[in-house]
């Protein structure tokens, strides 16, 4: 359920950030370049779990998933469409 909590925070950030997706993608790539191969793989594996939760939170059953993660009081203001800023991160990491 940690991935669901992280995905909810990511969605909140992604829908409220004023950063350009190209800037986000570039910053993500630059951040990853400073990591060794093992760290990059570990990060990608963890982000993959968050990505899975993120995609489920875009579906109609999101309220049940949020509730099961202890996030009953969170306001779901992100809709059902992929969030461009989050997609930029997923693309930079190779998950798209």
PDB file of N, CA and C in Angstrom:
ATOM      1  N   UNK A   1       0.801  -1.195   0.000  1.00  0.00           N
ATOM      2  CA  UNK A   1       0.000   0.000   0.000  1.00  0.00           C
ATOM      3  C   UNK A   1       0.854   1.275   0.000  1.00  0.00           C
ATOM      4  N   UNK A   2       2.138   1.123   0.259  1.00  0.00           N
ATOM      5  CA  UNK A   2       3.043   2.269   0.211  1.00  0.00           C
ATOM      6  C   UNK A   2       3.075   2.865  -1.192  1.00  0.00           C
ATOM      7  N   UNK A   3       3.012   2.017  -2.210  1.00  0.00           N
ATOM      8  CA  UNK A   3       3.014   2.501  -3.591  1.00  0.00           C
ATOM      9  C   UNK A   3       1.773   3.344  -3.873  1.00  0.00           C
ATOM     10  N   UNK A   4       0.648   2.973  -3.308  1.00  0.00           N
ATOM     11  CA  UNK A   4      -0.594   3.739  -3.499  1.00  0.00           C
ATOM     12  C   UNK A   4      -0.450   5.105  -2.840  1.00  0.00           C
ATOM     13  N   UNK A   5       0.120   5.133  -1.642  1.00  0.00           N
ATOM     14  CA  UNK A   5       0.326   6.408  -0.955  1.00  0.00           C
ATOM     15  C   UNK A   5       1.279   7.303  -1.748  1.00  0.00           C
ATOM     16  N   UNK A   6       2.353   6.708  -2.265  1.00  0.00           N
ATOM     17  CA  UNK A   6       3.308   7.481  -3.077  1.00  0.00           C
ATOM     18  C   UNK A   6       2.653   7.965  -4.367  1.00  0.00           C
ATOM     19  N   UNK A   7       1.842   7.122  -4.992  1.00  0.00           N
ATOM     20  CA  UNK A   7       1.167   7.504  -6.234  1.00  0.00           C
ATOM     21  C   UNK A   7       0.178   8.637  -5.991  1.00  0.00           C
ATOM     22  N   UNK A   8      -0.514   8.604  -4.870  1.00  0.00           N
ATOM     23  CA  UNK A   8      -1.462   9.676  -4.546  1.00  0.00           C
ATOM     24  C   UNK A   8      -0.716  10.999  -4.355  1.00  0.00           C
ATOM     25  N   UNK A   9       0.421  10.949  -3.673  1.00  0.00           N
ATOM     26  CA  UNK A   9       1.236  12.163  -3.500  1.00  0.00           C
ATOM     27  C   UNK A   9       1.764  12.649  -4.846  1.00  0.00           C
ATOM     28  N   UNK A  10       2.188  11.711  -5.686  1.00  0.00           N
ATOM     29  CA  UNK A  10       2.685  12.071  -7.011  1.00  0.00           C
ATOM     30  C   UNK A  10       1.579  12.711  -7.846  1.00  0.00           C
ATOM     31  N   UNK A  11       0.383  12.178  -7.772  1.00  0.00           N
ATOM     32  CA  UNK A  11      -0.751  12.752  -8.501  1.00  0.00           C
ATOM     33  C   UNK A  11      -1.072  14.156  -7.994  1.00  0.00           C
ATOM     34  N   UNK A  12      -1.023  14.334  -6.693  1.00  0.00           N
ATOM     35  CA  UNK A  12      -1.268  15.659  -6.138  1.00  0.00           C
ATOM     36  C   UNK A  12      -0.216  16.642  -6.649  1.00  0.00           C
ATOM     37  N   UNK A  13       1.047  16.234  -6.609  1.00  0.00           N
ATOM     38  CA  UNK A  13       2.121  17.086  -7.117  1.00  0.00           C
ATOM     39  C   UNK A  13       1.955  17.318  -8.620  1.00  0.00           C
ATOM     40  N   UNK A  14       1.722  16.255  -9.359  1.00  0.00           N
ATOM     41  CA  UNK A  14       1.655  16.338 -10.814  1.00  0.00           C
ATOM     42  C   UNK A  14       0.550  17.234 -11.329  1.00  0.00           C
ATOM     43  N   UNK A  15      -0.567  17.256 -10.621  1.00  0.00           N
ATOM     44  CA  UNK A  15      -1.675  18.095 -11.066  1.00  0.00           C
ATOM     45  C   UNK A  15      -1.519  19.540 -10.617  1.00  0.00           C
ATOM     46  N   UNK A  16      -0.627  19.789  -9.669  1.00  0.00           N
ATOM     47  CA  UNK A  16      -0.468  21.145  -9.151  1.00  0.00           C
ATOM     48  C   UNK A  16       0.853  21.804  -9.511  1.00  0.00           C
ATOM     49  N   UNK A  17       1.760  21.065 -10.117  1.00  0.00           N
ATOM     50  CA  UNK A  17       3.056  21.656 -10.450  1.00  0.00           C
ATOM     51  C   UNK A  17       2.923  22.632 -11.610  1.00  0.00           C
ATOM     52  N   UNK A  18       3.739  23.622 -11.582  1.00  0.00           N
ATOM     53  CA  UNK A  18       3.766  24.561 -12.690  1.00  0.00           C
ATOM     54  C   UNK A  18       4.926  24.296 -13.627  1.00  0.00           C
ATOM     55  N   UNK A  19       5.637  23.199 -13.387  1.00  0.00           N
ATOM     56  CA  UNK A  19       6.804  22.869 -14.197  1.00  0.00           C
ATOM     57  C   UNK A  19       6.392  22.310 -15.548  1.00  0.00           C
ATOM     58  N   UNK A  20       7.179  22.628 -16.548  1.00  0.00           N
ATOM     59  CA  UNK A  20       6.966  22.136 -17.898  1.00  0.00           C
ATOM     60  C   UNK A  20       7.390  20.663 -17.972  1.00  0.00           C
ATOM     61  N   UNK A  21       6.603  19.807 -18.633  1.00  0.00           N
ATOM     62  CA  UNK A  21       6.964  18.394 -18.741  1.00  0.00           C
ATOM     63  C   UNK A  21       8.361  18.159 -19.325  1.00  0.00           C
ATOM     64  N   UNK A  22       8.785  18.978 -20.261  1.00  0.00           N
ATOM     65  CA  UNK A  22      10.138  18.827 -20.818  1.00  0.00           C
ATOM     66  C   UNK A  22      11.194  19.095 -19.757  1.00  0.00           C
ATOM     67  N   UNK A  23      10.951  20.074 -18.899  1.00  0.00           N
ATOM     68  CA  UNK A  23      11.875  20.362 -17.794  1.00  0.00           C
ATOM     69  C   UNK A  23      11.908  19.208 -16.802  1.00  0.00           C
ATOM     70  N   UNK A  24      10.753  18.645 -16.531  1.00  0.00           N
ATOM     71  CA  UNK A  24      10.659  17.517 -15.602  1.00  0.00           C
ATOM     72  C   UNK A  24      11.429  16.321 -16.151  1.00  0.00           C
ATOM     73  N   UNK A  25      11.220  16.027 -17.421  1.00  0.00           N
ATOM     74  CA  UNK A  25      11.907  14.909 -18.067  1.00  0.00           C
ATOM     75  C   UNK A  25      13.428  15.107 -17.994  1.00  0.00           C
ATOM     76  N   UNK A  26      13.889  16.317 -18.329  1.00  0.00           N
ATOM     77  CA  UNK A  26      15.320  16.621 -18.311  1.00  0.00           C
ATOM     78  C   UNK A  26      15.892  16.511 -16.900  1.00  0.00           C
ATOM     79  N   UNK A  27      15.184  17.035 -15.918  1.00  0.00           N
ATOM     80  CA  UNK A  27      15.654  16.957 -14.530  1.00  0.00           C
ATOM     81  C   UNK A  27      15.717  15.505 -14.054  1.00  0.00           C
ATOM     82  N   UNK A  28      14.754  14.712 -14.451  1.00  0.00           N
ATOM     83  CA  UNK A  28      14.742  13.298 -14.070  1.00  0.00           C
ATOM     84  C   UNK A  28      15.929  12.565 -14.683  1.00  0.00           C
ATOM     85  N   UNK A  29      16.171  12.793 -15.961  1.00  0.00           N
ATOM     86  CA  UNK A  29      17.309  12.160 -16.636  1.00  0.00           C
ATOM     87  C   UNK A  29      18.620  12.581 -15.976  1.00  0.00           C
ATOM     88  N   UNK A  30      18.766  13.871 -15.701  1.00  0.00           N
ATOM     89  CA  UNK A  30      19.990  14.360 -15.069  1.00  0.00           C
ATOM     90  C   UNK A  30      20.185  13.763 -13.681  1.00  0.00           C
ATOM     91  N   UNK A  31      19.099  13.638 -12.928  1.00  0.00           N
ATOM     92  CA  UNK A  31      19.170  13.045 -11.597  1.00  0.00           C
ATOM     93  C   UNK A  31      19.585  11.577 -11.687  1.00  0.00           C
ATOM     94  N   UNK A  32      19.016  10.853 -12.640  1.00  0.00           N
ATOM     95  CA  UNK A  32      19.338   9.434 -12.803  1.00  0.00           C
ATOM     96  C   UNK A  32      20.776   9.217 -13.273  1.00  0.00           C
ATOM     97  N   UNK A  33      21.308  10.146 -14.064  1.00  0.00           N
ATOM     98  CA  UNK A  33      22.666   9.984 -14.589  1.00  0.00           C
ATOM     99  C   UNK A  33      23.706   9.963 -13.475  1.00  0.00           C
ATOM    100  N   UNK A  34      23.407  10.602 -12.344  1.00  0.00           N
ATOM    101  CA  UNK A  34      24.332  10.621 -11.219  1.00  0.00           C
ATOM    102  C   UNK A  34      24.305   9.320 -10.422  1.00  0.00           C
ATOM    103  N   UNK A  35      23.380   8.449 -10.737  1.00  0.00           N
ATOM    104  CA  UNK A  35      23.232   7.176 -10.018  1.00  0.00           C
ATOM    105  C   UNK A  35      23.974   6.078 -10.765  1.00  0.00           C
ATOM    106  N   UNK A  36      24.438   5.100 -10.025  1.00  0.00           N
ATOM    107  CA  UNK A  36      25.036   3.926 -10.650  1.00  0.00           C
ATOM    108  C   UNK A  36      23.958   3.038 -11.234  1.00  0.00           C
ATOM    109  N   UNK A  37      24.371   2.056 -11.994  1.00  0.00           N
ATOM    110  CA  UNK A  37      23.429   1.156 -12.653  1.00  0.00           C
ATOM    111  C   UNK A  37      22.517   0.459 -11.646  1.00  0.00           C
ATOM    112  N   UNK A  38      23.081  -0.041 -10.550  1.00  0.00           N
ATOM    113  CA  UNK A  38      22.259  -0.738  -9.555  1.00  0.00           C
ATOM    114  C   UNK A  38      21.206   0.193  -8.956  1.00  0.00           C
ATOM    115  N   UNK A  39      21.594   1.436  -8.665  1.00  0.00           N
ATOM    116  CA  UNK A  39      20.642   2.399  -8.121  1.00  0.00           C
ATOM    117  C   UNK A  39      19.560   2.744  -9.134  1.00  0.00           C
ATOM    118  N   UNK A  40      19.946   2.871 -10.398  1.00  0.00           N
ATOM    119  CA  UNK A  40      18.968   3.162 -11.447  1.00  0.00           C
ATOM    120  C   UNK A  40      17.953   2.039 -11.568  1.00  0.00           C
ATOM    121  N   UNK A  41      18.432   0.801 -11.536  1.00  0.00           N
ATOM    122  CA  UNK A  41      17.536  -0.358 -11.644  1.00  0.00           C
ATOM    123  C   UNK A  41      16.612  -0.426 -10.433  1.00  0.00           C
ATOM    124  N   UNK A  42      17.159  -0.205  -9.238  1.00  0.00           N
ATOM    125  CA  UNK A  42      16.342  -0.246  -8.024  1.00  0.00           C
ATOM    126  C   UNK A  42      15.274   0.842  -8.048  1.00  0.00           C
ATOM    127  N   UNK A  43      15.663   2.040  -8.490  1.00  0.00           N
ATOM    128  CA  UNK A  43      14.699   3.135  -8.578  1.00  0.00           C
ATOM    129  C   UNK A  43      13.611   2.806  -9.592  1.00  0.00           C
ATOM    130  N   UNK A  44      14.000   2.295 -10.742  1.00  0.00           N
ATOM    131  CA  UNK A  44      13.035   1.941 -11.774  1.00  0.00           C
ATOM    132  C   UNK A  44      12.058   0.873 -11.272  1.00  0.00           C
ATOM    133  N   UNK A  45      12.571  -0.110 -10.548  1.00  0.00           N
ATOM    134  CA  UNK A  45      11.707  -1.157  -9.999  1.00  0.00           C
ATOM    135  C   UNK A  45      10.685  -0.579  -9.021  1.00  0.00           C
ATOM    136  N   UNK A  46      11.141   0.300  -8.143  1.00  0.00           N
ATOM    137  CA  UNK A  46      10.226   0.914  -7.171  1.00  0.00           C
ATOM    138  C   UNK A  46       9.235   1.836  -7.864  1.00  0.00           C
ATOM    139  N   UNK A  47       9.722   2.611  -8.829  1.00  0.00           N
ATOM    140  CA  UNK A  47       8.831   3.514  -9.546  1.00  0.00           C
ATOM    141  C   UNK A  47       7.800   2.737 -10.354  1.00  0.00           C
ATOM    142  N   UNK A  48       8.156   1.562 -10.813  1.00  0.00           N
ATOM    143  CA  UNK A  48       7.211   0.718 -11.540  1.00  0.00           C
ATOM    144  C   UNK A  48       6.017   0.356 -10.659  1.00  0.00           C
ATOM    145  N   UNK A  49       6.261   0.095  -9.384  1.00  0.00           N
ATOM    146  CA  UNK A  49       5.167  -0.191  -8.445  1.00  0.00           C
ATOM    147  C   UNK A  49       4.282   1.042  -8.255  1.00  0.00           C
ATOM    148  N   UNK A  50       4.920   2.202  -8.145  1.00  0.00           N
ATOM    149  CA  UNK A  50       4.175   3.454  -8.011  1.00  0.00           C
ATOM    150  C   UNK A  50       3.379   3.714  -9.292  1.00  0.00           C
ATOM    151  N   UNK A  51       3.980   3.456 -10.438  1.00  0.00           N
ATOM    152  CA  UNK A  51       3.304   3.647 -11.718  1.00  0.00           C
ATOM    153  C   UNK A  51       2.065   2.760 -11.810  1.00  0.00           C
ATOM    154  N   UNK A  52       2.178   1.539 -11.375  1.00  0.00           N
ATOM    155  CA  UNK A  52       1.032   0.628 -11.385  1.00  0.00           C
ATOM    156  C   UNK A  52      -0.099   1.198 -10.529  1.00  0.00           C
ATOM    157  N   UNK A  53       0.245   1.684  -9.349  1.00  0.00           N
ATOM    158  CA  UNK A  53      -0.767   2.280  -8.467  1.00  0.00           C
ATOM    159  C   UNK A  53      -1.330   3.557  -9.080  1.00  0.00           C
ATOM    160  N   UNK A  54      -0.463   4.364  -9.677  1.00  0.00           N
ATOM    161  CA  UNK A  54      -0.885   5.611 -10.334  1.00  0.00           C
ATOM    162  C   UNK A  54      -1.927   5.318 -11.410  1.00  0.00           C
ATOM    163  N   UNK A  55      -1.674   4.322 -12.224  1.00  0.00           N
ATOM    164  CA  UNK A  55      -2.619   3.977 -13.288  1.00  0.00           C
ATOM    165  C   UNK A  55      -3.949   3.495 -12.717  1.00  0.00           C
ATOM    166  N   UNK A  56      -3.898   2.751 -11.614  1.00  0.00           N
ATOM    167  CA  UNK A  56      -5.139   2.290 -10.980  1.00  0.00           C
ATOM    168  C   UNK A  56      -5.907   3.450 -10.363  1.00  0.00           C
ATOM    169  N   UNK A  57      -5.175   4.463  -9.866  1.00  0.00           N
ATOM    170  CA  UNK A  57      -5.846   5.618  -9.273  1.00  0.00           C
ATOM    171  C   UNK A  57      -6.533   6.491 -10.319  1.00  0.00           C
ATOM    172  N   UNK A  58      -6.200   6.306 -11.574  1.00  0.00           N
ATOM    173  CA  UNK A  58      -6.881   7.027 -12.653  1.00  0.00           C
ATOM    174  C   UNK A  58      -8.181   6.334 -13.052  1.00  0.00           C
ATOM    175  N   UNK A  59      -8.387   5.105 -12.563  1.00  0.00           N
ATOM    176  CA  UNK A  59      -9.592   4.341 -12.898  1.00  0.00           C
ATOM    177  C   UNK A  59     -10.748   4.698 -11.969  1.00  0.00           C
ATOM    178  N   UNK A  60     -11.913   4.189 -12.322  1.00  0.00           N
ATOM    179  CA  UNK A  60     -13.122   4.470 -11.548  1.00  0.00           C
ATOM    180  C   UNK A  60     -13.092   3.878 -10.142  1.00  0.00           C
ATOM    181  N   UNK A  61     -12.336   2.826  -9.904  1.00  0.00           N
ATOM    182  CA  UNK A  61     -12.276   2.201  -8.583  1.00  0.00           C
ATOM    183  C   UNK A  61     -11.252   2.824  -7.655  1.00  0.00           C
ATOM    184  N   UNK A  62     -10.825   4.028  -7.954  1.00  0.00           N
ATOM    185  CA  UNK A  62      -9.769   4.676  -7.181  1.00  0.00           C
ATOM    186  C   UNK A  62     -10.142   4.863  -5.716  1.00  0.00           C
ATOM    187  N   UNK A  63     -11.392   5.169  -5.440  1.00  0.00           N
ATOM    188  CA  UNK A  63     -11.792   5.412  -4.054  1.00  0.00           C
ATOM    189  C   UNK A  63     -11.565   4.188  -3.184  1.00  0.00           C
ATOM    190  N   UNK A  64     -11.864   2.996  -3.712  1.00  0.00           N
ATOM    191  CA  UNK A  64     -11.641   1.770  -2.954  1.00  0.00           C
ATOM    192  C   UNK A  64     -10.156   1.556  -2.688  1.00  0.00           C
ATOM    193  N   UNK A  65      -9.335   1.822  -3.686  1.00  0.00           N
ATOM    194  CA  UNK A  65      -7.887   1.656  -3.533  1.00  0.00           C
ATOM    195  C   UNK A  65      -7.348   2.661  -2.518  1.00  0.00           C
ATOM    196  N   UNK A  66      -7.792   3.892  -2.594  1.00  0.00           N
ATOM    197  CA  UNK A  66      -7.365   4.907  -1.627  1.00  0.00           C
ATOM    198  C   UNK A  66      -7.777   4.514  -0.217  1.00  0.00           C
ATOM    199  N   UNK A  67      -8.974   4.027  -0.074  1.00  0.00           N
ATOM    200  CA  UNK A  67      -9.471   3.607   1.234  1.00  0.00           C
ATOM    201  C   UNK A  67      -8.649   2.452   1.794  1.00  0.00           C
ATOM    202  N   UNK A  68      -8.315   1.490   0.948  1.00  0.00           N
ATOM    203  CA  UNK A  68      -7.535   0.338   1.411  1.00  0.00           C
ATOM    204  C   UNK A  68      -6.117   0.729   1.809  1.00  0.00           C
ATOM    205  N   UNK A  69      -5.648   1.884   1.309  1.00  0.00           N
ATOM    206  CA  UNK A  69      -4.318   2.377   1.661  1.00  0.00           C
ATOM    207  C   UNK A  69      -4.374   3.361   2.831  1.00  0.00           C
ATOM    208  N   UNK A  70      -5.556   3.524   3.426  1.00  0.00           N
ATOM    209  CA  UNK A  70      -5.702   4.426   4.559  1.00  0.00           C
ATOM    210  C   UNK A  70      -5.808   5.885   4.163  1.00  0.00           C
ATOM    211  N   UNK A  71      -6.218   6.144   2.939  1.00  0.00           N
ATOM    212  CA  UNK A  71      -6.305   7.512   2.430  1.00  0.00           C
ATOM    213  C   UNK A  71      -7.757   7.902   2.148  1.00  0.00           C
ATOM    214  N   UNK A  72      -8.644   7.603   3.082  1.00  0.00           N
ATOM    215  CA  UNK A  72     -10.063   7.872   2.873  1.00  0.00           C
ATOM    216  C   UNK A  72     -10.350   9.359   2.731  1.00  0.00           C
ATOM    217  N   UNK A  73      -9.566  10.198   3.391  1.00  0.00           N
ATOM    218  CA  UNK A  73      -9.847  11.631   3.435  1.00  0.00           C
ATOM    219  C   UNK A  73      -9.206  12.423   2.301  1.00  0.00           C
ATOM    220  N   UNK A  74      -8.485  11.746   1.425  1.00  0.00           N
ATOM    221  CA  UNK A  74      -7.812  12.460   0.341  1.00  0.00           C
ATOM    222  C   UNK A  74      -8.824  12.915  -0.696  1.00  0.00           C
ATOM    223  N   UNK A  75      -8.635  14.132  -1.183  1.00  0.00           N
ATOM    224  CA  UNK A  75      -9.512  14.653  -2.222  1.00  0.00           C
ATOM    225  C   UNK A  75      -8.961  14.243  -3.582  1.00  0.00           C
ATOM    226  N   UNK A  76      -9.730  13.467  -4.301  1.00  0.00           N
ATOM    227  CA  UNK A  76      -9.311  12.973  -5.625  1.00  0.00           C
ATOM    228  C   UNK A  76      -9.672  14.015  -6.676  1.00  0.00           C
ATOM    229  N   UNK A  77      -8.709  14.902  -6.971  1.00  0.00           N
ATOM    230  CA  UNK A  77      -8.979  16.001  -7.894  1.00  0.00           C
ATOM    231  C   UNK A  77      -8.212  15.869  -9.204  1.00  0.00           C
ATOM    232  N   UNK A  78      -7.780  14.659  -9.520  1.00  0.00           N
ATOM    233  CA  UNK A  78      -6.929  14.492 -10.698  1.00  0.00           C
ATOM    234  C   UNK A  78      -7.633  13.894 -11.902  1.00  0.00           C
ATOM    235  N   UNK A  79      -8.839  13.493 -11.802  1.00  0.00           N
ATOM    236  CA  UNK A  79      -9.568  12.978 -12.954  1.00  0.00           C
ATOM    237  C   UNK A  79      -9.114  11.586 -13.377  1.00  0.00           C
ATOM    238  N   UNK A  80      -9.420  11.240 -14.629  1.00  0.00           N
ATOM    239  CA  UNK A  80      -9.143   9.891 -15.124  1.00  0.00           C
ATOM    240  C   UNK A  80      -8.126   9.869 -16.257  1.00  0.00           C
ATOM    241  N   UNK A  81      -7.579  11.014 -16.621  1.00  0.00           N
ATOM    242  CA  UNK A  81      -6.617  11.081 -17.722  1.00  0.00           C
ATOM    243  C   UNK A  81      -5.191  11.094 -17.184  1.00  0.00           C
ATOM    244  N   UNK A  82      -4.252  10.498 -17.910  1.00  0.00           N
ATOM    245  CA  UNK A  82      -2.847  10.551 -17.486  1.00  0.00           C
ATOM    246  C   UNK A  82      -2.400  12.006 -17.296  1.00  0.00           C
ATOM    247  N   UNK A  83      -1.536  12.205 -16.324  1.00  0.00           N
ATOM    248  CA  UNK A  83      -1.041  13.534 -15.982  1.00  0.00           C
ATOM    249  C   UNK A  83       0.294  13.736 -16.700  1.00  0.00           C
ATOM    250  N   UNK A  84       0.359  14.765 -17.517  1.00  0.00           N
ATOM    251  CA  UNK A  84       1.507  14.989 -18.391  1.00  0.00           C
ATOM    252  C   UNK A  84       2.832  15.072 -17.629  1.00  0.00           C
ATOM    253  N   UNK A  85       2.840  15.732 -16.489  1.00  0.00           N
ATOM    254  CA  UNK A  85       4.080  15.858 -15.720  1.00  0.00           C
ATOM    255  C   UNK A  85       4.548  14.504 -15.181  1.00  0.00           C
ATOM    256  N   UNK A  86       3.631  13.664 -14.779  1.00  0.00           N
ATOM    257  CA  UNK A  86       3.978  12.320 -14.296  1.00  0.00           C
ATOM    258  C   UNK A  86       4.425  11.449 -15.460  1.00  0.00           C
ATOM    259  N   UNK A  87       3.747  11.576 -16.571  1.00  0.00           N
ATOM    260  CA  UNK A  87       4.133  10.811 -17.753  1.00  0.00           C
ATOM    261  C   UNK A  87       5.554  11.167 -18.191  1.00  0.00           C
ATOM    262  N   UNK A  88       5.963  12.416 -17.999  1.00  0.00           N
ATOM    263  CA  UNK A  88       7.330  12.837 -18.338  1.00  0.00           C
ATOM    264  C   UNK A  88       8.353  12.091 -17.486  1.00  0.00           C
ATOM    265  N   UNK A  89       8.035  11.896 -16.218  1.00  0.00           N
ATOM    266  CA  UNK A  89       8.934  11.148 -15.330  1.00  0.00           C
ATOM    267  C   UNK A  89       9.000   9.685 -15.770  1.00  0.00           C
ATOM    268  N   UNK A  90       7.843   9.104 -16.014  1.00  0.00           N
ATOM    269  CA  UNK A  90       7.790   7.695 -16.407  1.00  0.00           C
ATOM    270  C   UNK A  90       8.533   7.469 -17.715  1.00  0.00           C
ATOM    271  N   UNK A  91       8.427   8.419 -18.626  1.00  0.00           N
ATOM    272  CA  UNK A  91       9.139   8.337 -19.897  1.00  0.00           C
ATOM    273  C   UNK A  91      10.654   8.409 -19.679  1.00  0.00           C
ATOM    274  N   UNK A  92      11.074   9.326 -18.832  1.00  0.00           N
ATOM    275  CA  UNK A  92      12.518   9.502 -18.576  1.00  0.00           C
ATOM    276  C   UNK A  92      13.118   8.261 -17.934  1.00  0.00           C
ATOM    277  N   UNK A  93      12.339   7.555 -17.146  1.00  0.00           N
ATOM    278  CA  UNK A  93      12.834   6.356 -16.468  1.00  0.00           C
ATOM    279  C   UNK A  93      12.734   5.121 -17.345  1.00  0.00           C
ATOM    280  N   UNK A  94      12.020   5.246 -18.448  1.00  0.00           N
ATOM    281  CA  UNK A  94      11.890   4.119 -19.369  1.00  0.00           C
ATOM    282  C   UNK A  94      10.672   3.255 -19.139  1.00  0.00           C
ATOM    283  N   UNK A  95       9.697   3.784 -18.403  1.00  0.00           N
ATOM    284  CA  UNK A  95       8.484   3.029 -18.147  1.00  0.00           C
ATOM    285  C   UNK A  95       7.397   3.305 -19.186  1.00  0.00           C
ATOM    286  N   UNK A  96       7.693   4.140 -20.164  1.00  0.00           N
ATOM    287  CA  UNK A  96       6.773   4.420 -21.278  1.00  0.00           C
ATOM    288  C   UNK A  96       7.494   4.176 -22.573  1.00  0.00           C
TER     289      UNK A  96
END
